[in-house]
Amino acid sequence: MDLGIFACSTDAAAPAPAFELIDQTGGTVRLDDQRNRMVLLTFLYTHCTDTCPLYLYKINQTLSNLDVPDAEMSVIVVTVDPERDTVARLSGFAASWPDNWHFLTGEPTKV
């Protein structure tokens, strides 16, 4: 049974819109490729020096307490500053986080 991918809000769950962006390795990541996995989707920018790393640290700590295998979970972090958050910049930033985390960028009209 395919449960789909849903975005949660305070109103109701609705199917999340499809997207295709570039990750920190230069590879393409599609939301549809994450079906049948738990996905945490969030947004930030790498030039956020105080709040964003702390935010990601708290996410990482929370997820480690869930005891969900990495093979069943993806963390997708989409930049809100694609002009500065290039693949090279995201690659260096991603080095501090687990392998099942994807830091995404793309054309400004797509993020």
PDB file of N, CA and C in Angstrom:
ATOM      1  N   MET A   1       0.844  -1.171   0.000  1.00  0.00           N
ATOM      2  CA  MET A   1       0.000   0.000   0.000  1.00  0.00           C
ATOM      3  C   MET A   1       0.886   1.230   0.000  1.00  0.00           C
ATOM      4  N   ASP A   2       0.691   2.144  -0.958  1.00  0.00           N
ATOM      5  CA  ASP A   2       1.452   3.373  -1.065  1.00  0.00           C
ATOM      6  C   ASP A   2       0.701   4.473  -0.335  1.00  0.00           C
ATOM      7  N   LEU A   3       1.281   4.942   0.755  1.00  0.00           N
ATOM      8  CA  LEU A   3       0.632   5.991   1.527  1.00  0.00           C
ATOM      9  C   LEU A   3       0.900   7.373   0.965  1.00  0.00           C
ATOM     10  N   GLY A   4       1.817   7.492   0.027  1.00  0.00           N
ATOM     11  CA  GLY A   4       2.124   8.789  -0.563  1.00  0.00           C
ATOM     12  C   GLY A   4       3.010   9.619   0.344  1.00  0.00           C
ATOM     13  N   ILE A   5       3.268  10.827  -0.069  1.00  0.00           N
ATOM     14  CA  ILE A   5       4.070  11.767   0.693  1.00  0.00           C
ATOM     15  C   ILE A   5       3.156  12.923   1.046  1.00  0.00           C
ATOM     16  N   PHE A   6       3.093  13.261   2.324  1.00  0.00           N
ATOM     17  CA  PHE A   6       2.166  14.282   2.778  1.00  0.00           C
ATOM     18  C   PHE A   6       2.893  15.382   3.525  1.00  0.00           C
ATOM     19  N   ALA A   7       2.388  16.578   3.346  1.00  0.00           N
ATOM     20  CA  ALA A   7       2.860  17.720   4.116  1.00  0.00           C
ATOM     21  C   ALA A   7       1.848  17.967   5.219  1.00  0.00           C
ATOM     22  N   CYS A   8       2.325  18.116   6.427  1.00  0.00           N
ATOM     23  CA  CYS A   8       1.418  18.328   7.552  1.00  0.00           C
ATOM     24  C   CYS A   8       1.325  19.807   7.881  1.00  0.00           C
ATOM     25  N   SER A   9       0.156  20.230   8.204  1.00  0.00           N
ATOM     26  CA  SER A   9      -0.071  21.597   8.661  1.00  0.00           C
ATOM     27  C   SER A   9      -1.047  21.526   9.814  1.00  0.00           C
ATOM     28  N   THR A  10      -1.409  22.660  10.351  1.00  0.00           N
ATOM     29  CA  THR A  10      -2.360  22.656  11.452  1.00  0.00           C
ATOM     30  C   THR A  10      -3.770  22.378  10.960  1.00  0.00           C
ATOM     31  N   ASP A  11      -4.011  22.561   9.667  1.00  0.00           N
ATOM     32  CA  ASP A  11      -5.351  22.351   9.112  1.00  0.00           C
ATOM     33  C   ASP A  11      -5.612  20.889   8.763  1.00  0.00           C
ATOM     34  N   ALA A  12      -4.759  20.315   7.936  1.00  0.00           N
ATOM     35  CA  ALA A  12      -4.960  18.937   7.491  1.00  0.00           C
ATOM     36  C   ALA A  12      -3.723  18.480   6.735  1.00  0.00           C
ATOM     37  N   ALA A  13      -3.625  17.193   6.516  1.00  0.00           N
ATOM     38  CA  ALA A  13      -2.539  16.653   5.703  1.00  0.00           C
ATOM     39  C   ALA A  13      -2.955  16.697   4.244  1.00  0.00           C
ATOM     40  N   ALA A  14      -2.032  17.093   3.399  1.00  0.00           N
ATOM     41  CA  ALA A  14      -2.277  17.174   1.964  1.00  0.00           C
ATOM     42  C   ALA A  14      -1.045  16.629   1.252  1.00  0.00           C
ATOM     43  N   PRO A  15      -1.208  16.086   0.062  1.00  0.00           N
ATOM     44  CA  PRO A  15      -0.034  15.599  -0.662  1.00  0.00           C
ATOM     45  C   PRO A  15       0.989  16.720  -0.866  1.00  0.00           C
ATOM     46  N   ALA A  16       2.238  16.430  -0.595  1.00  0.00           N
ATOM     47  CA  ALA A  16       3.301  17.409  -0.801  1.00  0.00           C
ATOM     48  C   ALA A  16       3.540  17.573  -2.296  1.00  0.00           C
ATOM     49  N   PRO A  17       3.823  18.783  -2.751  1.00  0.00           N
ATOM     50  CA  PRO A  17       4.083  18.991  -4.178  1.00  0.00           C
ATOM     51  C   PRO A  17       5.403  18.347  -4.591  1.00  0.00           C
ATOM     52  N   ALA A  18       5.437  17.840  -5.790  1.00  0.00           N
ATOM     53  CA  ALA A  18       6.655  17.216  -6.317  1.00  0.00           C
ATOM     54  C   ALA A  18       7.713  18.289  -6.565  1.00  0.00           C
ATOM     55  N   PHE A  19       8.979  17.904  -6.414  1.00  0.00           N
ATOM     56  CA  PHE A  19      10.069  18.798  -6.775  1.00  0.00           C
ATOM     57  C   PHE A  19      11.263  17.977  -7.211  1.00  0.00           C
ATOM     58  N   GLU A  20      12.169  18.638  -7.907  1.00  0.00           N
ATOM     59  CA  GLU A  20      13.426  18.045  -8.358  1.00  0.00           C
ATOM     60  C   GLU A  20      14.499  19.105  -8.188  1.00  0.00           C
ATOM     61  N   LEU A  21      15.430  18.872  -7.279  1.00  0.00           N
ATOM     62  CA  LEU A  21      16.491  19.825  -6.995  1.00  0.00           C
ATOM     63  C   LEU A  21      17.839  19.106  -6.970  1.00  0.00           C
ATOM     64  N   ILE A  22      18.911  19.871  -6.793  1.00  0.00           N
ATOM     65  CA  ILE A  22      20.269  19.338  -6.815  1.00  0.00           C
ATOM     66  C   ILE A  22      20.800  19.271  -5.382  1.00  0.00           C
ATOM     67  N   ASP A  23      21.419  18.122  -5.023  1.00  0.00           N
ATOM     68  CA  ASP A  23      21.946  17.989  -3.655  1.00  0.00           C
ATOM     69  C   ASP A  23      23.421  18.359  -3.595  1.00  0.00           C
ATOM     70  N   GLN A  24      23.997  18.183  -2.414  1.00  0.00           N
ATOM     71  CA  GLN A  24      25.367  18.588  -2.141  1.00  0.00           C
ATOM     72  C   GLN A  24      26.405  17.799  -2.935  1.00  0.00           C
ATOM     73  N   THR A  25      26.015  16.717  -3.571  1.00  0.00           N
ATOM     74  CA  THR A  25      26.950  15.942  -4.402  1.00  0.00           C
ATOM     75  C   THR A  25      26.809  16.288  -5.875  1.00  0.00           C
ATOM     76  N   GLY A  26      25.829  17.133  -6.200  1.00  0.00           N
ATOM     77  CA  GLY A  26      25.548  17.464  -7.592  1.00  0.00           C
ATOM     78  C   GLY A  26      24.507  16.546  -8.201  1.00  0.00           C
ATOM     79  N   GLY A  27      24.012  15.596  -7.415  1.00  0.00           N
ATOM     80  CA  GLY A  27      22.992  14.663  -7.886  1.00  0.00           C
ATOM     81  C   GLY A  27      21.590  15.236  -7.776  1.00  0.00           C
ATOM     82  N   THR A  28      20.689  14.667  -8.536  1.00  0.00           N
ATOM     83  CA  THR A  28      19.297  15.096  -8.524  1.00  0.00           C
ATOM     84  C   THR A  28      18.526  14.376  -7.429  1.00  0.00           C
ATOM     85  N   VAL A  29      17.741  15.120  -6.690  1.00  0.00           N
ATOM     86  CA  VAL A  29      16.874  14.555  -5.655  1.00  0.00           C
ATOM     87  C   VAL A  29      15.444  14.933  -6.004  1.00  0.00           C
ATOM     88  N   ARG A  30      14.595  13.917  -6.076  1.00  0.00           N
ATOM     89  CA  ARG A  30      13.169  14.121  -6.328  1.00  0.00           C
ATOM     90  C   ARG A  30      12.409  13.683  -5.090  1.00  0.00           C
ATOM     91  N   LEU A  31      11.408  14.448  -4.720  1.00  0.00           N
ATOM     92  CA  LEU A  31      10.606  14.053  -3.572  1.00  0.00           C
ATOM     93  C   LEU A  31       9.962  12.700  -3.823  1.00  0.00           C
ATOM     94  N   ASP A  32       9.546  12.439  -5.050  1.00  0.00           N
ATOM     95  CA  ASP A  32       8.918  11.156  -5.373  1.00  0.00           C
ATOM     96  C   ASP A  32       9.845   9.961  -5.116  1.00  0.00           C
ATOM     97  N   ASP A  33      11.167  10.185  -5.156  1.00  0.00           N
ATOM     98  CA  ASP A  33      12.123   9.105  -4.890  1.00  0.00           C
ATOM     99  C   ASP A  33      12.134   8.702  -3.418  1.00  0.00           C
ATOM    100  N   GLN A  34      11.487   9.473  -2.576  1.00  0.00           N
ATOM    101  CA  GLN A  34      11.497   9.216  -1.136  1.00  0.00           C
ATOM    102  C   GLN A  34      10.278   8.434  -0.664  1.00  0.00           C
ATOM    103  N   ARG A  35       9.459   7.978  -1.567  1.00  0.00           N
ATOM    104  CA  ARG A  35       8.266   7.227  -1.169  1.00  0.00           C
ATOM    105  C   ARG A  35       8.644   6.031  -0.307  1.00  0.00           C
ATOM    106  N   ASN A  36       7.780   5.714   0.640  1.00  0.00           N
ATOM    107  CA  ASN A  36       7.966   4.608   1.582  1.00  0.00           C
ATOM    108  C   ASN A  36       9.129   4.837   2.545  1.00  0.00           C
ATOM    109  N   ARG A  37       9.535   6.086   2.692  1.00  0.00           N
ATOM    110  CA  ARG A  37      10.534   6.481   3.672  1.00  0.00           C
ATOM    111  C   ARG A  37       9.937   7.605   4.516  1.00  0.00           C
ATOM    112  N   MET A  38      10.370   7.719   5.725  1.00  0.00           N
ATOM    113  CA  MET A  38      10.003   8.861   6.547  1.00  0.00           C
ATOM    114  C   MET A  38      10.872  10.032   6.072  1.00  0.00           C
ATOM    115  N   VAL A  39      10.247  11.189   5.829  1.00  0.00           N
ATOM    116  CA  VAL A  39      10.977  12.354   5.340  1.00  0.00           C
ATOM    117  C   VAL A  39      10.711  13.547   6.243  1.00  0.00           C
ATOM    118  N   LEU A  40      11.778  14.179   6.664  1.00  0.00           N
ATOM    119  CA  LEU A  40      11.670  15.454   7.348  1.00  0.00           C
ATOM    120  C   LEU A  40      12.165  16.504   6.363  1.00  0.00           C
ATOM    121  N   LEU A  41      11.311  17.428   5.998  1.00  0.00           N
ATOM    122  CA  LEU A  41      11.630  18.471   5.022  1.00  0.00           C
ATOM    123  C   LEU A  41      11.667  19.799   5.742  1.00  0.00           C
ATOM    124  N   THR A  42      12.783  20.519   5.590  1.00  0.00           N
ATOM    125  CA  THR A  42      12.921  21.819   6.235  1.00  0.00           C
ATOM    126  C   THR A  42      13.693  22.761   5.319  1.00  0.00           C
ATOM    127  N   PHE A  43      13.775  24.013   5.721  1.00  0.00           N
ATOM    128  CA  PHE A  43      14.386  25.063   4.904  1.00  0.00           C
ATOM    129  C   PHE A  43      15.358  25.872   5.748  1.00  0.00           C
ATOM    130  N   LEU A  44      16.464  26.292   5.146  1.00  0.00           N
ATOM    131  CA  LEU A  44      17.426  27.169   5.804  1.00  0.00           C
ATOM    132  C   LEU A  44      18.380  27.731   4.771  1.00  0.00           C
ATOM    133  N   TYR A  45      19.400  28.437   5.236  1.00  0.00           N
ATOM    134  CA  TYR A  45      20.472  28.889   4.363  1.00  0.00           C
ATOM    135  C   TYR A  45      21.782  28.767   5.119  1.00  0.00           C
ATOM    136  N   THR A  46      22.877  28.496   4.408  1.00  0.00           N
ATOM    137  CA  THR A  46      24.140  28.176   5.066  1.00  0.00           C
ATOM    138  C   THR A  46      24.833  29.390   5.672  1.00  0.00           C
ATOM    139  N   HIS A  47      24.471  30.584   5.261  1.00  0.00           N
ATOM    140  CA  HIS A  47      25.077  31.783   5.835  1.00  0.00           C
ATOM    141  C   HIS A  47      24.426  32.174   7.158  1.00  0.00           C
ATOM    142  N   CYS A  48      23.487  31.415   7.612  1.00  0.00           N
ATOM    143  CA  CYS A  48      22.854  31.586   8.920  1.00  0.00           C
ATOM    144  C   CYS A  48      23.800  30.926   9.925  1.00  0.00           C
ATOM    145  N   THR A  49      24.585  31.720  10.599  1.00  0.00           N
ATOM    146  CA  THR A  49      25.684  31.163  11.396  1.00  0.00           C
ATOM    147  C   THR A  49      25.313  30.742  12.806  1.00  0.00           C
ATOM    148  N   ASP A  50      24.229  31.245  13.354  1.00  0.00           N
ATOM    149  CA  ASP A  50      23.897  30.923  14.738  1.00  0.00           C
ATOM    150  C   ASP A  50      22.711  29.988  14.853  1.00  0.00           C
ATOM    151  N   THR A  51      21.591  30.408  14.346  1.00  0.00           N
ATOM    152  CA  THR A  51      20.338  29.689  14.542  1.00  0.00           C
ATOM    153  C   THR A  51      20.265  28.392  13.745  1.00  0.00           C
ATOM    154  N   CYS A  52      20.647  28.410  12.480  1.00  0.00           N
ATOM    155  CA  CYS A  52      20.468  27.237  11.623  1.00  0.00           C
ATOM    156  C   CYS A  52      21.261  26.013  12.071  1.00  0.00           C
ATOM    157  N   PRO A  53      22.544  26.126  12.396  1.00  0.00           N
ATOM    158  CA  PRO A  53      23.252  24.928  12.879  1.00  0.00           C
ATOM    159  C   PRO A  53      22.654  24.371  14.174  1.00  0.00           C
ATOM    160  N   LEU A  54      22.231  25.250  15.063  1.00  0.00           N
ATOM    161  CA  LEU A  54      21.597  24.792  16.303  1.00  0.00           C
ATOM    162  C   LEU A  54      20.281  24.082  15.991  1.00  0.00           C
ATOM    163  N   TYR A  55      19.517  24.633  15.071  1.00  0.00           N
ATOM    164  CA  TYR A  55      18.259  24.024  14.628  1.00  0.00           C
ATOM    165  C   TYR A  55      18.514  22.624  14.078  1.00  0.00           C
ATOM    166  N   LEU A  56      19.516  22.486  13.210  1.00  0.00           N
ATOM    167  CA  LEU A  56      19.832  21.171  12.639  1.00  0.00           C
ATOM    168  C   LEU A  56      20.343  20.207  13.706  1.00  0.00           C
ATOM    169  N   TYR A  57      21.118  20.705  14.641  1.00  0.00           N
ATOM    170  CA  TYR A  57      21.596  19.868  15.737  1.00  0.00           C
ATOM    171  C   TYR A  57      20.414  19.309  16.528  1.00  0.00           C
ATOM    172  N   LYS A  58      19.430  20.153  16.814  1.00  0.00           N
ATOM    173  CA  LYS A  58      18.252  19.702  17.558  1.00  0.00           C
ATOM    174  C   LYS A  58      17.454  18.673  16.758  1.00  0.00           C
ATOM    175  N   ILE A  59      17.350  18.871  15.470  1.00  0.00           N
ATOM    176  CA  ILE A  59      16.678  17.877  14.620  1.00  0.00           C
ATOM    177  C   ILE A  59      17.432  16.549  14.694  1.00  0.00           C
ATOM    178  N   ASN A  60      18.743  16.600  14.567  1.00  0.00           N
ATOM    179  CA  ASN A  60      19.554  15.387  14.598  1.00  0.00           C
ATOM    180  C   ASN A  60      19.406  14.663  15.935  1.00  0.00           C
ATOM    181  N   GLN A  61      19.428  15.386  17.027  1.00  0.00           N
ATOM    182  CA  GLN A  61      19.262  14.779  18.344  1.00  0.00           C
ATOM    183  C   GLN A  61      17.883  14.138  18.483  1.00  0.00           C
ATOM    184  N   THR A  62      16.858  14.830  18.022  1.00  0.00           N
ATOM    185  CA  THR A  62      15.495  14.299  18.101  1.00  0.00           C
ATOM    186  C   THR A  62      15.367  13.027  17.276  1.00  0.00           C
ATOM    187  N   LEU A  63      15.895  13.039  16.061  1.00  0.00           N
ATOM    188  CA  LEU A  63      15.798  11.862  15.193  1.00  0.00           C
ATOM    189  C   LEU A  63      16.580  10.686  15.758  1.00  0.00           C
ATOM    190  N   SER A  64      17.696  10.954  16.394  1.00  0.00           N
ATOM    191  CA  SER A  64      18.467   9.845  16.973  1.00  0.00           C
ATOM    192  C   SER A  64      17.693   9.172  18.104  1.00  0.00           C
ATOM    193  N   ASN A  65      16.820   9.908  18.754  1.00  0.00           N
ATOM    194  CA  ASN A  65      15.987   9.329  19.816  1.00  0.00           C
ATOM    195  C   ASN A  65      14.820   8.509  19.274  1.00  0.00           C
ATOM    196  N   LEU A  66      14.494   8.671  18.003  1.00  0.00           N
ATOM    197  CA  LEU A  66      13.384   7.929  17.408  1.00  0.00           C
ATOM    198  C   LEU A  66      13.747   6.490  17.077  1.00  0.00           C
ATOM    199  N   ASP A  67      15.020   6.202  16.971  1.00  0.00           N
ATOM    200  CA  ASP A  67      15.479   4.855  16.659  1.00  0.00           C
ATOM    201  C   ASP A  67      14.929   4.356  15.323  1.00  0.00           C
ATOM    202  N   VAL A  68      14.952   5.240  14.312  1.00  0.00           N
ATOM    203  CA  VAL A  68      14.550   4.878  12.949  1.00  0.00           C
ATOM    204  C   VAL A  68      15.829   4.661  12.143  1.00  0.00           C
ATOM    205  N   PRO A  69      15.988   3.501  11.517  1.00  0.00           N
ATOM    206  CA  PRO A  69      17.195   3.257  10.718  1.00  0.00           C
ATOM    207  C   PRO A  69      17.355   4.300   9.603  1.00  0.00           C
ATOM    208  N   ASP A  70      18.601   4.696   9.335  1.00  0.00           N
ATOM    209  CA  ASP A  70      18.868   5.680   8.283  1.00  0.00           C
ATOM    210  C   ASP A  70      18.277   5.256   6.944  1.00  0.00           C
ATOM    211  N   ALA A  71      18.238   3.950   6.681  1.00  0.00           N
ATOM    212  CA  ALA A  71      17.702   3.456   5.412  1.00  0.00           C
ATOM    213  C   ALA A  71      16.207   3.731   5.267  1.00  0.00           C
ATOM    214  N   GLU A  72      15.535   4.040   6.369  1.00  0.00           N
ATOM    215  CA  GLU A  72      14.088   4.302   6.327  1.00  0.00           C
ATOM    216  C   GLU A  72      13.754   5.781   6.497  1.00  0.00           C
ATOM    217  N   MET A  73      14.774   6.637   6.570  1.00  0.00           N
ATOM    218  CA  MET A  73      14.559   8.040   6.892  1.00  0.00           C
ATOM    219  C   MET A  73      15.420   8.942   6.020  1.00  0.00           C
ATOM    220  N   SER A  74      14.866  10.052   5.572  1.00  0.00           N
ATOM    221  CA  SER A  74      15.628  11.084   4.872  1.00  0.00           C
ATOM    222  C   SER A  74      15.336  12.427   5.510  1.00  0.00           C
ATOM    223  N   VAL A  75      16.370  13.222   5.639  1.00  0.00           N
ATOM    224  CA  VAL A  75      16.199  14.617   6.027  1.00  0.00           C
ATOM    225  C   VAL A  75      16.547  15.430   4.795  1.00  0.00           C
ATOM    226  N   ILE A  76      15.607  16.243   4.359  1.00  0.00           N
ATOM    227  CA  ILE A  76      15.801  17.068   3.174  1.00  0.00           C
ATOM    228  C   ILE A  76      15.783  18.523   3.616  1.00  0.00           C
ATOM    229  N   VAL A  77      16.886  19.206   3.352  1.00  0.00           N
ATOM    230  CA  VAL A  77      17.045  20.601   3.737  1.00  0.00           C
ATOM    231  C   VAL A  77      17.172  21.420   2.449  1.00  0.00           C
ATOM    232  N   VAL A  78      16.199  22.272   2.200  1.00  0.00           N
ATOM    233  CA  VAL A  78      16.181  23.083   0.979  1.00  0.00           C
ATOM    234  C   VAL A  78      16.639  24.496   1.324  1.00  0.00           C
ATOM    235  N   THR A  79      17.568  25.016   0.558  1.00  0.00           N
ATOM    236  CA  THR A  79      18.042  26.364   0.803  1.00  0.00           C
ATOM    237  C   THR A  79      16.988  27.408   0.415  1.00  0.00           C
ATOM    238  N   VAL A  80      16.997  28.502   1.133  1.00  0.00           N
ATOM    239  CA  VAL A  80      16.171  29.649   0.753  1.00  0.00           C
ATOM    240  C   VAL A  80      17.060  30.732   0.136  1.00  0.00           C
ATOM    241  N   ASP A  81      18.339  30.401  -0.084  1.00  0.00           N
ATOM    242  CA  ASP A  81      19.318  31.325  -0.656  1.00  0.00           C
ATOM    243  C   ASP A  81      20.115  30.611  -1.743  1.00  0.00           C
ATOM    244  N   PRO A  82      19.441  30.197  -2.837  1.00  0.00           N
ATOM    245  CA  PRO A  82      20.123  29.382  -3.845  1.00  0.00           C
ATOM    246  C   PRO A  82      21.239  30.110  -4.586  1.00  0.00           C
ATOM    247  N   GLU A  83      21.225  31.417  -4.599  1.00  0.00           N
ATOM    248  CA  GLU A  83      22.292  32.130  -5.313  1.00  0.00           C
ATOM    249  C   GLU A  83      23.635  31.998  -4.600  1.00  0.00           C
ATOM    250  N   ARG A  84      23.628  31.914  -3.270  1.00  0.00           N
ATOM    251  CA  ARG A  84      24.881  31.737  -2.527  1.00  0.00           C
ATOM    252  C   ARG A  84      25.112  30.285  -2.139  1.00  0.00           C
ATOM    253  N   ASP A  85      24.042  29.526  -1.955  1.00  0.00           N
ATOM    254  CA  ASP A  85      24.177  28.119  -1.549  1.00  0.00           C
ATOM    255  C   ASP A  85      24.337  27.234  -2.777  1.00  0.00           C
ATOM    256  N   THR A  86      25.544  27.246  -3.300  1.00  0.00           N
ATOM    257  CA  THR A  86      25.895  26.430  -4.462  1.00  0.00           C
ATOM    258  C   THR A  86      26.133  24.994  -4.014  1.00  0.00           C
ATOM    259  N   VAL A  87      26.303  24.104  -4.970  1.00  0.00           N
ATOM    260  CA  VAL A  87      26.607  22.707  -4.654  1.00  0.00           C
ATOM    261  C   VAL A  87      27.895  22.633  -3.827  1.00  0.00           C
ATOM    262  N   ALA A  88      28.905  23.398  -4.204  1.00  0.00           N
ATOM    263  CA  ALA A  88      30.175  23.376  -3.466  1.00  0.00           C
ATOM    264  C   ALA A  88      29.980  23.853  -2.030  1.00  0.00           C
ATOM    265  N   ARG A  89      29.214  24.904  -1.835  1.00  0.00           N
ATOM    266  CA  ARG A  89      28.966  25.424  -0.480  1.00  0.00           C
ATOM    267  C   ARG A  89      28.188  24.383   0.339  1.00  0.00           C
ATOM    268  N   LEU A  90      27.154  23.786  -0.275  1.00  0.00           N
ATOM    269  CA  LEU A  90      26.363  22.779   0.432  1.00  0.00           C
ATOM    270  C   LEU A  90      27.182  21.540   0.755  1.00  0.00           C
ATOM    271  N   SER A  91      28.115  21.195  -0.120  1.00  0.00           N
ATOM    272  CA  SER A  91      28.962  20.023   0.107  1.00  0.00           C
ATOM    273  C   SER A  91      29.777  20.190   1.388  1.00  0.00           C
ATOM    274  N   GLY A  92      30.372  21.351   1.566  1.00  0.00           N
ATOM    275  CA  GLY A  92      31.137  21.601   2.783  1.00  0.00           C
ATOM    276  C   GLY A  92      30.249  21.625   4.012  1.00  0.00           C
ATOM    277  N   PHE A  93      29.073  22.198   3.897  1.00  0.00           N
ATOM    278  CA  PHE A  93      28.120  22.288   4.996  1.00  0.00           C
ATOM    279  C   PHE A  93      27.612  20.902   5.379  1.00  0.00           C
ATOM    280  N   ALA A  94      27.345  20.068   4.387  1.00  0.00           N
ATOM    281  CA  ALA A  94      26.765  18.737   4.608  1.00  0.00           C
ATOM    282  C   ALA A  94      27.730  17.780   5.288  1.00  0.00           C
ATOM    283  N   ALA A  95      29.014  18.062   5.219  1.00  0.00           N
ATOM    284  CA  ALA A  95      30.017  17.162   5.797  1.00  0.00           C
ATOM    285  C   ALA A  95      29.814  16.949   7.298  1.00  0.00           C
ATOM    286  N   SER A  96      29.127  17.870   7.956  1.00  0.00           N
ATOM    287  CA  SER A  96      28.904  17.763   9.402  1.00  0.00           C
ATOM    288  C   SER A  96      27.664  16.958   9.775  1.00  0.00           C
ATOM    289  N   TRP A  97      26.927  16.494   8.784  1.00  0.00           N
ATOM    290  CA  TRP A  97      25.634  15.866   9.058  1.00  0.00           C
ATOM    291  C   TRP A  97      25.596  14.442   8.518  1.00  0.00           C
ATOM    292  N   PRO A  98      24.658  13.619   8.996  1.00  0.00           N
ATOM    293  CA  PRO A  98      24.592  12.215   8.561  1.00  0.00           C
ATOM    294  C   PRO A  98      24.398  12.054   7.050  1.00  0.00           C
ATOM    295  N   ASP A  99      24.741  10.881   6.561  1.00  0.00           N
ATOM    296  CA  ASP A  99      24.672  10.601   5.121  1.00  0.00           C
ATOM    297  C   ASP A  99      23.256  10.601   4.558  1.00  0.00           C
ATOM    298  N   ASN A 100      22.245  10.388   5.386  1.00  0.00           N
ATOM    299  CA  ASN A 100      20.871  10.368   4.867  1.00  0.00           C
ATOM    300  C   ASN A 100      20.251  11.764   4.862  1.00  0.00           C
ATOM    301  N   TRP A 101      21.079  12.798   5.025  1.00  0.00           N
ATOM    302  CA  TRP A 101      20.630  14.180   4.926  1.00  0.00           C
ATOM    303  C   TRP A 101      20.989  14.702   3.542  1.00  0.00           C
ATOM    304  N   HIS A 102      20.040  15.355   2.912  1.00  0.00           N
ATOM    305  CA  HIS A 102      20.236  15.935   1.581  1.00  0.00           C
ATOM    306  C   HIS A 102      20.054  17.447   1.678  1.00  0.00           C
ATOM    307  N   PHE A 103      21.078  18.187   1.288  1.00  0.00           N
ATOM    308  CA  PHE A 103      21.016  19.644   1.283  1.00  0.00           C
ATOM    309  C   PHE A 103      20.823  20.073  -0.169  1.00  0.00           C
ATOM    310  N   LEU A 104      19.698  20.722  -0.447  1.00  0.00           N
ATOM    311  CA  LEU A 104      19.289  20.953  -1.826  1.00  0.00           C
ATOM    312  C   LEU A 104      19.325  22.422  -2.222  1.00  0.00           C
ATOM    313  N   THR A 105      19.666  22.615  -3.476  1.00  0.00           N
ATOM    314  CA  THR A 105      19.644  23.920  -4.096  1.00  0.00           C
ATOM    315  C   THR A 105      19.137  23.766  -5.522  1.00  0.00           C
ATOM    316  N   GLY A 106      19.052  24.853  -6.223  1.00  0.00           N
ATOM    317  CA  GLY A 106      18.580  24.821  -7.603  1.00  0.00           C
ATOM    318  C   GLY A 106      18.410  26.226  -8.131  1.00  0.00           C
ATOM    319  N   GLU A 107      17.776  26.316  -9.258  1.00  0.00           N
ATOM    320  CA  GLU A 107      17.476  27.628  -9.823  1.00  0.00           C
ATOM    321  C   GLU A 107      16.577  28.394  -8.860  1.00  0.00           C
ATOM    322  N   PRO A 108      16.795  29.705  -8.705  1.00  0.00           N
ATOM    323  CA  PRO A 108      15.957  30.469  -7.769  1.00  0.00           C
ATOM    324  C   PRO A 108      14.459  30.321  -7.990  1.00  0.00           C
ATOM    325  N   THR A 109      14.040  30.082  -9.189  1.00  0.00           N
ATOM    326  CA  THR A 109      12.601  29.915  -9.456  1.00  0.00           C
ATOM    327  C   THR A 109      12.079  28.545  -9.027  1.00  0.00           C
ATOM    328  N   LYS A 110      12.979  27.608  -8.707  1.00  0.00           N
ATOM    329  CA  LYS A 110      12.568  26.244  -8.348  1.00  0.00           C
ATOM    330  C   LYS A 110      12.630  25.963  -6.863  1.00  0.00           C
ATOM    331  N   VAL A 111      13.333  26.773  -6.084  1.00  0.00           N
ATOM    332  CA  VAL A 111      13.427  26.510  -4.640  1.00  0.00           C
ATOM    333  C   VAL A 111      12.460  27.353  -3.855  1.00  0.00           C
TER     334      VAL A 111
END
